[in-house]
Amino acid sequence: MPLYEVQHYITLTISQKDELAEAITKIHSTKFSTPRMFVNVHFTATSTLRTYVGGKPQQGNHIRATVRNGPSRTSEDWNDLTRQIHSAWTTIVGPGLPKLRRSDTEEADTSLRSVIICGEILGGMEAGFFLPPAGGDAEWIERNWGAFRERADRGEEEFRDLVKEVEERGLLGGEGEGKEKREEMEMRREQARLEEMMGWGEHA
């Protein structure tokens, strides 16, 4: 659902990209209730682009995020998310050069100049499912749980991971009528698998 674009003028190694993608995914999915499968991270090299700050040529490293905004997500939430992402960059890539040295060295500046969060996702579809509004993840997961499980049972790895994560994190809640329906669906799936193995029923 969220789309993070890491714009880097310095060269990032594959391992740095892997670590940044994992860090951003973990930060966003644990800060909110977004399953990891729906956190997208893209990397864009900008060393050949001419960029300006204050009307003057200046290169830098930036992270731009397009997210779902809503009343359940406050400015404090976004500031905390920004701090965590900035900290992850510093840990993985580096804090950058002292300001007094930047004009006197050819060494690349590894600092992250900006993290910008834009709440512009009005709708869309991902992996075949319409995106929920911010704060509506639990209801959305509940509504699509059967389809998620079906695709996991068909052997789609990312949906197997999704089902495992939802169950481990308790993203479905687990009380009331929803729990009863899930238990009934699970019993039916187990029965269907047993019948298929034994050659009974419609699988005979």
N, C-alpha and C. Protein backbone atom coordinates (compact mmCIF):
# COMPACT_ATOMS: atom_id res chain seq x y z
N MET A 1 0.83 -1.20 0.00
CA MET A 1 0.00 0.00 0.00
C MET A 1 0.86 1.25 0.00
N PRO A 2 1.68 1.46 1.08
CA PRO A 2 2.58 2.61 0.99
C PRO A 2 3.68 2.36 -0.04
N LEU A 3 4.13 3.41 -0.66
CA LEU A 3 5.23 3.33 -1.62
C LEU A 3 6.35 4.24 -1.15
N TYR A 4 7.48 3.65 -0.82
CA TYR A 4 8.67 4.40 -0.42
C TYR A 4 9.65 4.42 -1.58
N GLU A 5 10.11 5.60 -1.94
CA GLU A 5 11.14 5.74 -2.98
C GLU A 5 12.40 6.30 -2.34
N VAL A 6 13.46 5.51 -2.40
CA VAL A 6 14.76 5.93 -1.87
C VAL A 6 15.55 6.53 -3.03
N GLN A 7 15.74 7.83 -3.02
CA GLN A 7 16.48 8.54 -4.07
C GLN A 7 17.90 8.76 -3.56
N HIS A 8 18.84 8.08 -4.17
CA HIS A 8 20.22 8.14 -3.66
C HIS A 8 21.19 8.56 -4.76
N TYR A 9 22.02 9.56 -4.46
CA TYR A 9 23.05 9.95 -5.42
C TYR A 9 24.34 9.20 -5.16
N ILE A 10 24.49 8.68 -3.94
CA ILE A 10 25.66 7.84 -3.65
C ILE A 10 25.35 6.42 -4.12
N THR A 11 26.40 5.62 -4.25
CA THR A 11 26.21 4.23 -4.64
C THR A 11 25.85 3.40 -3.41
N LEU A 12 24.74 2.70 -3.49
CA LEU A 12 24.34 1.79 -2.42
C LEU A 12 24.60 0.36 -2.85
N THR A 13 25.17 -0.42 -1.97
CA THR A 13 25.41 -1.83 -2.28
C THR A 13 24.09 -2.59 -2.22
N ILE A 14 24.08 -3.79 -2.79
CA ILE A 14 22.88 -4.61 -2.74
C ILE A 14 22.49 -4.91 -1.29
N SER A 15 23.49 -5.18 -0.46
CA SER A 15 23.19 -5.49 0.94
C SER A 15 22.61 -4.27 1.66
N GLN A 16 23.09 -3.07 1.33
CA GLN A 16 22.52 -1.87 1.93
C GLN A 16 21.07 -1.67 1.49
N LYS A 17 20.80 -1.92 0.21
CA LYS A 17 19.42 -1.81 -0.27
C LYS A 17 18.53 -2.84 0.42
N ASP A 18 19.03 -4.07 0.54
CA ASP A 18 18.25 -5.11 1.22
C ASP A 18 17.94 -4.72 2.66
N GLU A 19 18.95 -4.20 3.35
CA GLU A 19 18.77 -3.82 4.76
C GLU A 19 17.83 -2.63 4.90
N LEU A 20 17.96 -1.65 4.00
CA LEU A 20 17.06 -0.50 4.05
C LEU A 20 15.62 -0.90 3.77
N ALA A 21 15.43 -1.75 2.76
CA ALA A 21 14.08 -2.21 2.43
C ALA A 21 13.46 -2.96 3.60
N GLU A 22 14.25 -3.82 4.24
CA GLU A 22 13.75 -4.56 5.40
C GLU A 22 13.43 -3.62 6.56
N ALA A 23 14.31 -2.65 6.80
CA ALA A 23 14.09 -1.71 7.90
C ALA A 23 12.84 -0.88 7.68
N ILE A 24 12.67 -0.33 6.47
CA ILE A 24 11.50 0.49 6.17
C ILE A 24 10.23 -0.34 6.28
N THR A 25 10.27 -1.56 5.75
CA THR A 25 9.10 -2.45 5.82
C THR A 25 8.73 -2.74 7.27
N LYS A 26 9.72 -3.06 8.08
CA LYS A 26 9.46 -3.36 9.50
C LYS A 26 8.93 -2.14 10.24
N ILE A 27 9.54 -0.99 9.99
CA ILE A 27 9.11 0.24 10.67
C ILE A 27 7.66 0.56 10.36
N HIS A 28 7.30 0.54 9.07
CA HIS A 28 5.94 0.92 8.68
C HIS A 28 4.92 -0.11 9.16
N SER A 29 5.24 -1.40 8.98
CA SER A 29 4.26 -2.44 9.30
C SER A 29 4.02 -2.58 10.80
N THR A 30 5.02 -2.23 11.61
CA THR A 30 4.83 -2.29 13.07
C THR A 30 4.29 -0.98 13.63
N LYS A 31 4.59 0.12 12.97
CA LYS A 31 4.03 1.40 13.40
C LYS A 31 2.52 1.42 13.20
N PHE A 32 2.09 0.84 12.08
CA PHE A 32 0.66 0.76 11.78
C PHE A 32 0.27 -0.72 11.70
N SER A 33 -0.86 -1.03 11.11
CA SER A 33 -1.31 -2.42 11.03
C SER A 33 -1.18 -2.98 9.62
N THR A 34 -0.33 -2.36 8.80
CA THR A 34 -0.16 -2.78 7.41
C THR A 34 0.64 -4.07 7.34
N PRO A 35 0.13 -5.12 6.70
CA PRO A 35 0.93 -6.33 6.51
C PRO A 35 2.17 -6.04 5.67
N ARG A 36 3.26 -6.72 5.97
CA ARG A 36 4.53 -6.49 5.29
C ARG A 36 4.41 -6.64 3.78
N MET A 37 3.58 -7.56 3.32
CA MET A 37 3.45 -7.84 1.89
C MET A 37 3.06 -6.60 1.10
N PHE A 38 2.41 -5.64 1.76
CA PHE A 38 1.88 -4.48 1.05
C PHE A 38 2.72 -3.22 1.26
N VAL A 39 3.92 -3.36 1.79
CA VAL A 39 4.85 -2.23 1.92
C VAL A 39 5.84 -2.29 0.76
N ASN A 40 5.84 -1.28 -0.09
CA ASN A 40 6.67 -1.26 -1.30
C ASN A 40 7.83 -0.28 -1.14
N VAL A 41 9.02 -0.72 -1.54
CA VAL A 41 10.22 0.12 -1.46
C VAL A 41 10.94 0.08 -2.80
N HIS A 42 11.13 1.24 -3.41
CA HIS A 42 11.85 1.36 -4.68
C HIS A 42 13.12 2.18 -4.47
N PHE A 43 14.14 1.87 -5.25
CA PHE A 43 15.40 2.62 -5.19
C PHE A 43 15.64 3.29 -6.54
N THR A 44 15.97 4.58 -6.50
CA THR A 44 16.22 5.35 -7.71
C THR A 44 17.57 6.05 -7.58
N ALA A 45 18.50 5.72 -8.48
CA ALA A 45 19.81 6.37 -8.48
C ALA A 45 19.69 7.73 -9.15
N THR A 46 20.18 8.78 -8.51
CA THR A 46 20.01 10.14 -9.02
C THR A 46 21.34 10.82 -9.34
N SER A 47 22.43 10.06 -9.39
CA SER A 47 23.75 10.68 -9.58
C SER A 47 23.88 11.39 -10.92
N THR A 48 23.11 10.95 -11.92
CA THR A 48 23.20 11.57 -13.25
C THR A 48 22.17 12.68 -13.44
N LEU A 49 21.34 12.90 -12.43
CA LEU A 49 20.32 13.95 -12.52
C LEU A 49 20.85 15.25 -11.93
N ARG A 50 20.41 16.36 -12.50
CA ARG A 50 20.81 17.67 -11.97
C ARG A 50 19.70 18.15 -11.05
N THR A 51 20.01 18.25 -9.78
CA THR A 51 19.02 18.68 -8.81
C THR A 51 19.46 19.98 -8.13
N TYR A 52 18.47 20.71 -7.63
CA TYR A 52 18.74 22.03 -7.05
C TYR A 52 18.10 22.16 -5.67
N VAL A 53 18.76 22.87 -4.80
CA VAL A 53 18.22 23.24 -3.49
C VAL A 53 18.45 24.73 -3.32
N GLY A 54 17.39 25.48 -3.10
CA GLY A 54 17.52 26.93 -2.98
C GLY A 54 18.01 27.58 -4.26
N GLY A 55 17.70 26.95 -5.39
CA GLY A 55 18.11 27.49 -6.68
C GLY A 55 19.54 27.20 -7.07
N LYS A 56 20.26 26.43 -6.24
CA LYS A 56 21.65 26.10 -6.52
C LYS A 56 21.81 24.59 -6.69
N PRO A 57 22.71 24.17 -7.59
CA PRO A 57 22.91 22.73 -7.78
C PRO A 57 23.37 22.07 -6.48
N GLN A 58 22.71 21.01 -6.12
CA GLN A 58 23.11 20.28 -4.91
C GLN A 58 22.53 18.86 -4.97
N GLN A 59 23.41 17.89 -4.78
CA GLN A 59 22.96 16.51 -4.75
C GLN A 59 22.76 16.06 -3.31
N GLY A 60 21.88 15.11 -3.14
CA GLY A 60 21.62 14.59 -1.80
C GLY A 60 20.84 13.29 -1.86
N ASN A 61 20.68 12.69 -0.71
CA ASN A 61 19.92 11.45 -0.59
C ASN A 61 18.59 11.76 0.10
N HIS A 62 17.52 11.22 -0.46
CA HIS A 62 16.19 11.52 0.04
C HIS A 62 15.34 10.25 0.07
N ILE A 63 14.36 10.24 0.96
CA ILE A 63 13.35 9.18 0.96
C ILE A 63 11.99 9.85 0.89
N ARG A 64 11.22 9.46 -0.13
CA ARG A 64 9.87 9.98 -0.32
C ARG A 64 8.89 8.84 -0.10
N ALA A 65 7.83 9.09 0.64
CA ALA A 65 6.83 8.06 0.90
C ALA A 65 5.44 8.58 0.53
N THR A 66 4.71 7.77 -0.21
CA THR A 66 3.31 8.05 -0.50
C THR A 66 2.49 7.06 0.31
N VAL A 67 1.65 7.56 1.19
CA VAL A 67 0.98 6.70 2.17
C VAL A 67 -0.52 6.99 2.20
N ARG A 68 -1.23 6.19 2.97
CA ARG A 68 -2.65 6.44 3.23
C ARG A 68 -2.75 7.27 4.51
N ASN A 69 -3.41 8.39 4.40
CA ASN A 69 -3.57 9.26 5.57
C ASN A 69 -5.01 9.20 6.05
N GLY A 70 -5.20 9.47 7.33
CA GLY A 70 -6.54 9.45 7.89
C GLY A 70 -6.51 9.91 9.33
N PRO A 71 -7.68 10.07 9.95
CA PRO A 71 -7.75 10.59 11.32
C PRO A 71 -7.09 9.68 12.35
N SER A 72 -6.91 8.40 12.02
CA SER A 72 -6.28 7.49 12.99
C SER A 72 -4.77 7.65 13.03
N ARG A 73 -4.22 8.41 12.09
CA ARG A 73 -2.77 8.60 12.02
C ARG A 73 -2.45 10.07 12.23
N THR A 74 -1.77 10.37 13.32
CA THR A 74 -1.53 11.75 13.72
C THR A 74 -0.18 12.24 13.22
N SER A 75 0.04 13.56 13.36
CA SER A 75 1.33 14.12 12.98
C SER A 75 2.44 13.54 13.84
N GLU A 76 2.12 13.21 15.09
CA GLU A 76 3.12 12.57 15.95
C GLU A 76 3.51 11.20 15.41
N ASP A 77 2.53 10.48 14.87
CA ASP A 77 2.82 9.18 14.26
C ASP A 77 3.79 9.34 13.09
N TRP A 78 3.53 10.32 12.24
CA TRP A 78 4.38 10.51 11.06
C TRP A 78 5.76 11.01 11.46
N ASN A 79 5.84 11.86 12.47
CA ASN A 79 7.16 12.32 12.93
C ASN A 79 7.97 11.17 13.53
N ASP A 80 7.30 10.30 14.26
CA ASP A 80 7.99 9.14 14.83
C ASP A 80 8.45 8.21 13.72
N LEU A 81 7.60 8.00 12.72
CA LEU A 81 7.98 7.18 11.57
C LEU A 81 9.21 7.77 10.88
N THR A 82 9.21 9.09 10.70
CA THR A 82 10.33 9.77 10.07
C THR A 82 11.62 9.58 10.86
N ARG A 83 11.53 9.74 12.18
CA ARG A 83 12.71 9.56 13.03
C ARG A 83 13.26 8.14 12.92
N GLN A 84 12.39 7.17 12.90
CA GLN A 84 12.84 5.78 12.82
C GLN A 84 13.52 5.49 11.48
N ILE A 85 12.95 6.02 10.40
CA ILE A 85 13.54 5.81 9.07
C ILE A 85 14.89 6.50 8.98
N HIS A 86 14.98 7.72 9.48
CA HIS A 86 16.24 8.46 9.45
C HIS A 86 17.30 7.72 10.26
N SER A 87 16.92 7.19 11.40
CA SER A 87 17.85 6.43 12.23
C SER A 87 18.32 5.16 11.53
N ALA A 88 17.41 4.49 10.83
CA ALA A 88 17.77 3.27 10.10
C ALA A 88 18.78 3.58 9.00
N TRP A 89 18.56 4.69 8.27
CA TRP A 89 19.51 5.09 7.23
C TRP A 89 20.89 5.33 7.83
N THR A 90 20.95 6.08 8.93
CA THR A 90 22.23 6.39 9.57
C THR A 90 22.95 5.12 10.00
N THR A 91 22.22 4.16 10.52
CA THR A 91 22.82 2.90 10.96
C THR A 91 23.33 2.09 9.78
N ILE A 92 22.57 2.03 8.71
CA ILE A 92 22.90 1.16 7.58
C ILE A 92 23.88 1.80 6.61
N VAL A 93 23.68 3.09 6.31
CA VAL A 93 24.48 3.77 5.28
C VAL A 93 25.57 4.64 5.90
N GLY A 94 25.24 5.40 6.92
CA GLY A 94 26.23 6.28 7.54
C GLY A 94 25.64 7.63 7.88
N PRO A 95 26.24 8.34 8.83
CA PRO A 95 25.72 9.63 9.27
C PRO A 95 26.07 10.79 8.35
N GLY A 96 27.01 10.60 7.44
CA GLY A 96 27.41 11.69 6.56
C GLY A 96 28.67 12.37 7.02
N LEU A 97 29.08 13.37 6.26
CA LEU A 97 30.31 14.11 6.55
C LEU A 97 30.02 15.32 7.42
N PRO A 98 30.98 15.72 8.25
CA PRO A 98 30.82 16.98 8.99
C PRO A 98 30.63 18.13 8.00
N LYS A 99 29.75 19.08 8.32
CA LYS A 99 29.43 20.15 7.39
C LYS A 99 30.65 20.95 6.96
N LEU A 100 31.61 21.16 7.85
CA LEU A 100 32.78 21.96 7.52
C LEU A 100 33.68 21.26 6.52
N ARG A 101 33.56 19.96 6.39
CA ARG A 101 34.44 19.22 5.50
C ARG A 101 33.87 19.03 4.11
N ARG A 102 32.59 19.28 3.93
CA ARG A 102 31.94 18.88 2.68
C ARG A 102 32.50 19.60 1.46
N SER A 103 32.91 20.82 1.61
CA SER A 103 33.44 21.56 0.46
C SER A 103 34.91 21.28 0.23
N ASP A 104 35.54 20.57 1.17
CA ASP A 104 36.98 20.35 1.08
C ASP A 104 37.35 18.91 0.75
N THR A 105 36.38 18.10 0.41
CA THR A 105 36.66 16.69 0.16
C THR A 105 35.85 16.19 -1.01
N GLU A 106 36.39 15.19 -1.69
CA GLU A 106 35.66 14.56 -2.78
C GLU A 106 34.90 13.34 -2.29
N GLU A 107 35.01 13.04 -1.02
CA GLU A 107 34.31 11.89 -0.45
C GLU A 107 32.80 12.13 -0.50
N ALA A 108 32.07 11.09 -0.92
CA ALA A 108 30.61 11.22 -1.04
C ALA A 108 29.98 11.42 0.33
N ASP A 109 28.98 12.28 0.37
CA ASP A 109 28.25 12.54 1.61
C ASP A 109 27.14 11.50 1.76
N THR A 110 27.23 10.66 2.76
CA THR A 110 26.26 9.58 2.93
C THR A 110 25.04 9.98 3.74
N SER A 111 24.96 11.24 4.16
CA SER A 111 23.83 11.64 5.01
C SER A 111 22.52 11.61 4.23
N LEU A 112 21.43 11.43 4.96
CA LEU A 112 20.09 11.48 4.39
C LEU A 112 19.56 12.90 4.58
N ARG A 113 19.39 13.62 3.46
CA ARG A 113 19.00 15.03 3.55
C ARG A 113 17.55 15.19 3.98
N SER A 114 16.66 14.33 3.48
CA SER A 114 15.25 14.53 3.81
C SER A 114 14.47 13.23 3.81
N VAL A 115 13.43 13.23 4.62
CA VAL A 115 12.39 12.19 4.59
C VAL A 115 11.07 12.95 4.45
N ILE A 116 10.37 12.72 3.36
CA ILE A 116 9.12 13.44 3.09
C ILE A 116 7.99 12.42 3.00
N ILE A 117 6.95 12.61 3.81
CA ILE A 117 5.79 11.73 3.82
C ILE A 117 4.62 12.45 3.17
N CYS A 118 4.06 11.86 2.12
CA CYS A 118 2.93 12.46 1.40
C CYS A 118 1.71 11.55 1.52
N GLY A 119 0.60 12.07 2.04
CA GLY A 119 -0.62 11.28 2.16
C GLY A 119 -1.52 11.46 0.97
N GLU A 120 -1.21 10.77 -0.13
CA GLU A 120 -1.91 11.01 -1.39
C GLU A 120 -2.62 9.78 -1.95
N ILE A 121 -2.58 8.64 -1.27
CA ILE A 121 -3.21 7.44 -1.82
C ILE A 121 -4.72 7.53 -1.59
N LEU A 122 -5.47 7.74 -2.67
CA LEU A 122 -6.92 7.86 -2.59
C LEU A 122 -7.62 6.53 -2.83
N GLY A 123 -6.95 5.62 -3.50
CA GLY A 123 -7.51 4.31 -3.81
C GLY A 123 -6.54 3.56 -4.68
N GLY A 124 -6.92 2.35 -5.04
CA GLY A 124 -6.05 1.55 -5.91
C GLY A 124 -6.24 0.07 -5.66
N MET A 125 -5.43 -0.73 -6.34
CA MET A 125 -5.50 -2.17 -6.21
C MET A 125 -4.09 -2.72 -6.16
N GLU A 126 -3.86 -3.71 -5.30
CA GLU A 126 -2.55 -4.34 -5.18
C GLU A 126 -2.74 -5.83 -4.98
N ALA A 127 -2.04 -6.62 -5.79
CA ALA A 127 -2.11 -8.09 -5.74
C ALA A 127 -3.55 -8.57 -5.91
N GLY A 128 -4.36 -7.79 -6.63
CA GLY A 128 -5.73 -8.19 -6.90
C GLY A 128 -6.75 -7.73 -5.87
N PHE A 129 -6.35 -6.92 -4.89
CA PHE A 129 -7.25 -6.48 -3.83
C PHE A 129 -7.30 -4.96 -3.77
N PHE A 130 -8.52 -4.40 -3.66
CA PHE A 130 -8.66 -2.96 -3.51
C PHE A 130 -8.07 -2.53 -2.17
N LEU A 131 -7.42 -1.37 -2.17
CA LEU A 131 -6.75 -0.90 -0.97
C LEU A 131 -7.75 -0.36 0.05
N PRO A 132 -7.53 -0.64 1.33
CA PRO A 132 -8.42 -0.11 2.37
C PRO A 132 -8.01 1.30 2.76
N PRO A 133 -8.90 2.05 3.39
CA PRO A 133 -8.52 3.37 3.91
C PRO A 133 -7.62 3.21 5.12
N ALA A 134 -6.92 4.28 5.47
CA ALA A 134 -6.09 4.25 6.67
C ALA A 134 -6.95 3.96 7.88
N GLY A 135 -6.48 3.03 8.71
CA GLY A 135 -7.24 2.64 9.89
C GLY A 135 -8.24 1.54 9.64
N GLY A 136 -8.37 1.11 8.38
CA GLY A 136 -9.34 0.07 8.05
C GLY A 136 -8.73 -1.27 7.74
N ASP A 137 -7.48 -1.47 8.16
CA ASP A 137 -6.78 -2.71 7.80
C ASP A 137 -7.43 -3.95 8.41
N ALA A 138 -7.84 -3.88 9.67
CA ALA A 138 -8.40 -5.06 10.33
C ALA A 138 -9.66 -5.55 9.63
N GLU A 139 -10.57 -4.62 9.31
CA GLU A 139 -11.80 -4.99 8.61
C GLU A 139 -11.49 -5.51 7.22
N TRP A 140 -10.51 -4.90 6.56
CA TRP A 140 -10.12 -5.31 5.21
C TRP A 140 -9.53 -6.71 5.22
N ILE A 141 -8.66 -7.00 6.19
CA ILE A 141 -8.09 -8.34 6.31
C ILE A 141 -9.20 -9.35 6.59
N GLU A 142 -10.11 -9.00 7.49
CA GLU A 142 -11.24 -9.88 7.82
C GLU A 142 -12.06 -10.19 6.57
N ARG A 143 -12.32 -9.16 5.78
CA ARG A 143 -13.16 -9.31 4.59
C ARG A 143 -12.50 -10.18 3.53
N ASN A 144 -11.18 -10.10 3.44
CA ASN A 144 -10.46 -10.83 2.39
C ASN A 144 -9.72 -12.06 2.91
N TRP A 145 -9.94 -12.41 4.16
CA TRP A 145 -9.18 -13.50 4.78
C TRP A 145 -9.33 -14.82 4.02
N GLY A 146 -10.55 -15.13 3.61
CA GLY A 146 -10.77 -16.37 2.86
C GLY A 146 -9.96 -16.41 1.58
N ALA A 147 -9.93 -15.28 0.86
CA ALA A 147 -9.16 -15.22 -0.39
C ALA A 147 -7.67 -15.31 -0.12
N PHE A 148 -7.21 -14.68 0.96
CA PHE A 148 -5.78 -14.78 1.32
C PHE A 148 -5.41 -16.23 1.60
N ARG A 149 -6.24 -16.92 2.39
CA ARG A 149 -5.96 -18.31 2.74
C ARG A 149 -6.01 -19.20 1.50
N GLU A 150 -6.96 -18.94 0.63
CA GLU A 150 -7.09 -19.75 -0.59
C GLU A 150 -5.83 -19.64 -1.45
N ARG A 151 -5.32 -18.42 -1.60
CA ARG A 151 -4.11 -18.24 -2.42
C ARG A 151 -2.89 -18.81 -1.72
N ALA A 152 -2.88 -18.76 -0.39
CA ALA A 152 -1.79 -19.40 0.35
C ALA A 152 -1.84 -20.91 0.18
N ASP A 153 -3.04 -21.48 0.22
CA ASP A 153 -3.20 -22.92 0.05
C ASP A 153 -2.81 -23.37 -1.36
N ARG A 154 -2.93 -22.45 -2.33
CA ARG A 154 -2.53 -22.79 -3.70
C ARG A 154 -1.02 -22.76 -3.88
N GLY A 155 -0.31 -22.33 -2.86
CA GLY A 155 1.15 -22.35 -2.91
C GLY A 155 1.80 -21.03 -3.22
N GLU A 156 1.05 -19.91 -3.19
CA GLU A 156 1.65 -18.60 -3.45
C GLU A 156 2.42 -18.16 -2.21
N GLU A 157 3.74 -18.08 -2.35
CA GLU A 157 4.60 -17.86 -1.19
C GLU A 157 4.30 -16.57 -0.45
N GLU A 158 4.07 -15.48 -1.20
CA GLU A 158 3.85 -14.20 -0.52
C GLU A 158 2.56 -14.23 0.30
N PHE A 159 1.58 -15.01 -0.15
CA PHE A 159 0.35 -15.11 0.63
C PHE A 159 0.51 -16.07 1.81
N ARG A 160 1.38 -17.08 1.67
CA ARG A 160 1.70 -17.91 2.82
C ARG A 160 2.34 -17.05 3.92
N ASP A 161 3.27 -16.19 3.49
CA ASP A 161 3.92 -15.28 4.45
C ASP A 161 2.90 -14.33 5.07
N LEU A 162 1.97 -13.85 4.24
CA LEU A 162 0.95 -12.93 4.73
C LEU A 162 0.07 -13.59 5.79
N VAL A 163 -0.40 -14.80 5.49
CA VAL A 163 -1.25 -15.52 6.44
C VAL A 163 -0.51 -15.77 7.75
N LYS A 164 0.75 -16.18 7.64
CA LYS A 164 1.55 -16.44 8.84
C LYS A 164 1.70 -15.16 9.67
N GLU A 165 2.00 -14.04 8.99
CA GLU A 165 2.18 -12.78 9.71
C GLU A 165 0.90 -12.33 10.40
N VAL A 166 -0.22 -12.41 9.68
CA VAL A 166 -1.50 -11.99 10.25
C VAL A 166 -1.82 -12.80 11.50
N GLU A 167 -1.57 -14.11 11.43
CA GLU A 167 -1.86 -14.97 12.58
C GLU A 167 -0.91 -14.69 13.74
N GLU A 168 0.37 -14.51 13.43
CA GLU A 168 1.35 -14.27 14.49
C GLU A 168 1.15 -12.92 15.17
N ARG A 169 0.79 -11.91 14.39
CA ARG A 169 0.62 -10.56 14.94
C ARG A 169 -0.79 -10.31 15.48
N GLY A 170 -1.70 -11.25 15.23
CA GLY A 170 -3.07 -11.07 15.69
C GLY A 170 -3.79 -9.93 15.00
N LEU A 171 -3.51 -9.73 13.72
CA LEU A 171 -4.10 -8.61 12.99
C LEU A 171 -5.59 -8.79 12.73
N LEU A 172 -6.10 -10.02 12.93
CA LEU A 172 -7.52 -10.27 12.74
C LEU A 172 -8.32 -10.01 14.01
N GLY A 173 -7.67 -9.77 15.09
CA GLY A 173 -8.38 -9.63 16.36
C GLY A 173 -8.53 -10.98 17.01
N GLY A 174 -9.68 -11.63 16.84
CA GLY A 174 -9.85 -12.99 17.34
C GLY A 174 -11.03 -13.16 18.26
N GLU A 175 -11.96 -12.19 18.33
CA GLU A 175 -13.10 -12.32 19.22
C GLU A 175 -14.40 -12.29 18.43
N GLY A 176 -15.44 -12.87 19.01
CA GLY A 176 -16.79 -12.71 18.49
C GLY A 176 -17.06 -13.51 17.24
N GLU A 177 -18.03 -12.99 16.45
CA GLU A 177 -18.53 -13.70 15.29
C GLU A 177 -17.44 -13.93 14.27
N GLY A 178 -16.52 -12.97 14.11
CA GLY A 178 -15.45 -13.14 13.12
C GLY A 178 -14.61 -14.35 13.42
N LYS A 179 -14.32 -14.58 14.69
CA LYS A 179 -13.53 -15.74 15.08
C LYS A 179 -14.26 -17.03 14.76
N GLU A 180 -15.57 -17.07 15.04
CA GLU A 180 -16.35 -18.27 14.76
C GLU A 180 -16.37 -18.59 13.27
N LYS A 181 -16.52 -17.56 12.45
CA LYS A 181 -16.53 -17.77 11.00
C LYS A 181 -15.19 -18.29 10.52
N ARG A 182 -14.09 -17.73 11.06
CA ARG A 182 -12.77 -18.19 10.65
C ARG A 182 -12.54 -19.64 11.06
N GLU A 183 -13.00 -20.00 12.28
CA GLU A 183 -12.84 -21.38 12.73
C GLU A 183 -13.64 -22.33 11.86
N GLU A 184 -14.86 -21.91 11.48
CA GLU A 184 -15.68 -22.75 10.60
C GLU A 184 -15.03 -22.92 9.24
N MET A 185 -14.49 -21.82 8.68
CA MET A 185 -13.81 -21.89 7.39
C MET A 185 -12.59 -22.79 7.46
N GLU A 186 -11.86 -22.70 8.58
CA GLU A 186 -10.67 -23.53 8.75
C GLU A 186 -11.04 -25.00 8.81
N MET A 187 -12.13 -25.33 9.52
CA MET A 187 -12.58 -26.71 9.61
C MET A 187 -12.98 -27.24 8.23
N ARG A 188 -13.66 -26.41 7.45
CA ARG A 188 -14.05 -26.83 6.11
C ARG A 188 -12.84 -27.06 5.22
N ARG A 189 -11.83 -26.19 5.34
CA ARG A 189 -10.61 -26.38 4.54
C ARG A 189 -9.91 -27.67 4.92
N GLU A 190 -9.82 -27.93 6.22
CA GLU A 190 -9.17 -29.15 6.68
C GLU A 190 -9.94 -30.38 6.21
N GLN A 191 -11.27 -30.30 6.26
CA GLN A 191 -12.09 -31.42 5.80
C GLN A 191 -11.90 -31.65 4.31
N ALA A 192 -11.86 -30.55 3.53
CA ALA A 192 -11.66 -30.68 2.09
C ALA A 192 -10.31 -31.29 1.77
N ARG A 193 -9.27 -30.88 2.52
CA ARG A 193 -7.94 -31.45 2.29
C ARG A 193 -7.92 -32.94 2.62
N LEU A 194 -8.61 -33.32 3.71
CA LEU A 194 -8.67 -34.73 4.10
C LEU A 194 -9.40 -35.55 3.05
N GLU A 195 -10.52 -35.02 2.55
CA GLU A 195 -11.28 -35.74 1.53
C GLU A 195 -10.47 -35.90 0.25
N GLU A 196 -9.70 -34.87 -0.08
CA GLU A 196 -8.86 -34.96 -1.27
C GLU A 196 -7.80 -36.03 -1.11
N MET A 197 -7.20 -36.10 0.09
CA MET A 197 -6.18 -37.11 0.34
C MET A 197 -6.76 -38.52 0.31
N MET A 198 -7.99 -38.69 0.82
CA MET A 198 -8.61 -40.01 0.92
C MET A 198 -9.38 -40.39 -0.33
N GLY A 199 -9.54 -39.43 -1.25
CA GLY A 199 -10.29 -39.72 -2.47
C GLY A 199 -11.78 -39.73 -2.26
N TRP A 200 -12.25 -38.95 -1.29
CA TRP A 200 -13.68 -38.90 -0.98
C TRP A 200 -14.32 -37.67 -1.62
N GLY A 201 -15.65 -37.63 -1.49
CA GLY A 201 -16.41 -36.44 -1.85
C GLY A 201 -16.17 -36.00 -3.28
N GLU A 202 -16.20 -34.68 -3.47
CA GLU A 202 -16.09 -34.13 -4.82
C GLU A 202 -14.71 -34.30 -5.39
N HIS A 203 -13.73 -34.69 -4.54
CA HIS A 203 -12.37 -34.88 -5.02
C HIS A 203 -12.12 -36.31 -5.49
N ALA A 204 -13.14 -37.17 -5.34
CA ALA A 204 -12.96 -38.58 -5.71
C ALA A 204 -12.86 -38.74 -7.23
